């Protein structure tokens, strides 16, 4: 045995390397998203109420994000100043469709439609939706995804909301406020 080499088990080194790489990647993504998404909320779930997915006070996400982020269609919109145009930080459409801006009906649900913009299939950053009537300071609004029936003309009776895996329309609530950041942040989904 003096001249023989013993086999070296390298499996622990590979496992340790994989764990470290995962932690670095996960930590980087968490830091990037934590600094760029002010508020991410989804209306839906079992009770049909809004779930706030960013709890800055506790520093942790308070509702499951897998439903929102695992969707083939998604939207991210930040609070923004009032006006006749809504900035959409990120939109993903599997088949293409409409981003429709609804005002709050007074009960915390989507009400009248203020504007709609057609998006082709794919992922879009920094989109815009022009409104027929502008948003007002302190108002609450919803950016909701609607399908397109193929005629590329918006009709709320024919171009219906896209329903997510939770059984609720894919949408995000935002506020028109002068205190919203003026610089749009990039968002990765």
Foldseek 3Di string as FASTA:
>chain_A
DVPDDDDDDCVVVVVVVVVVVVVVVVVVQLVQQLVAAPWWWWQFAPVRHIAIQQDVVVRHGDDDCCQAVVWQWAWGAEAEAKDQKGWTAKTADQAWFKWWKFWQPVPRDGDDTFWIDTDGHGMDGGDMTGGPDMDDAFTKMKTFTWHDPPPRDDDPVRGDFDATPRRHGHMTMYGHHPPTDPDHGHDDD
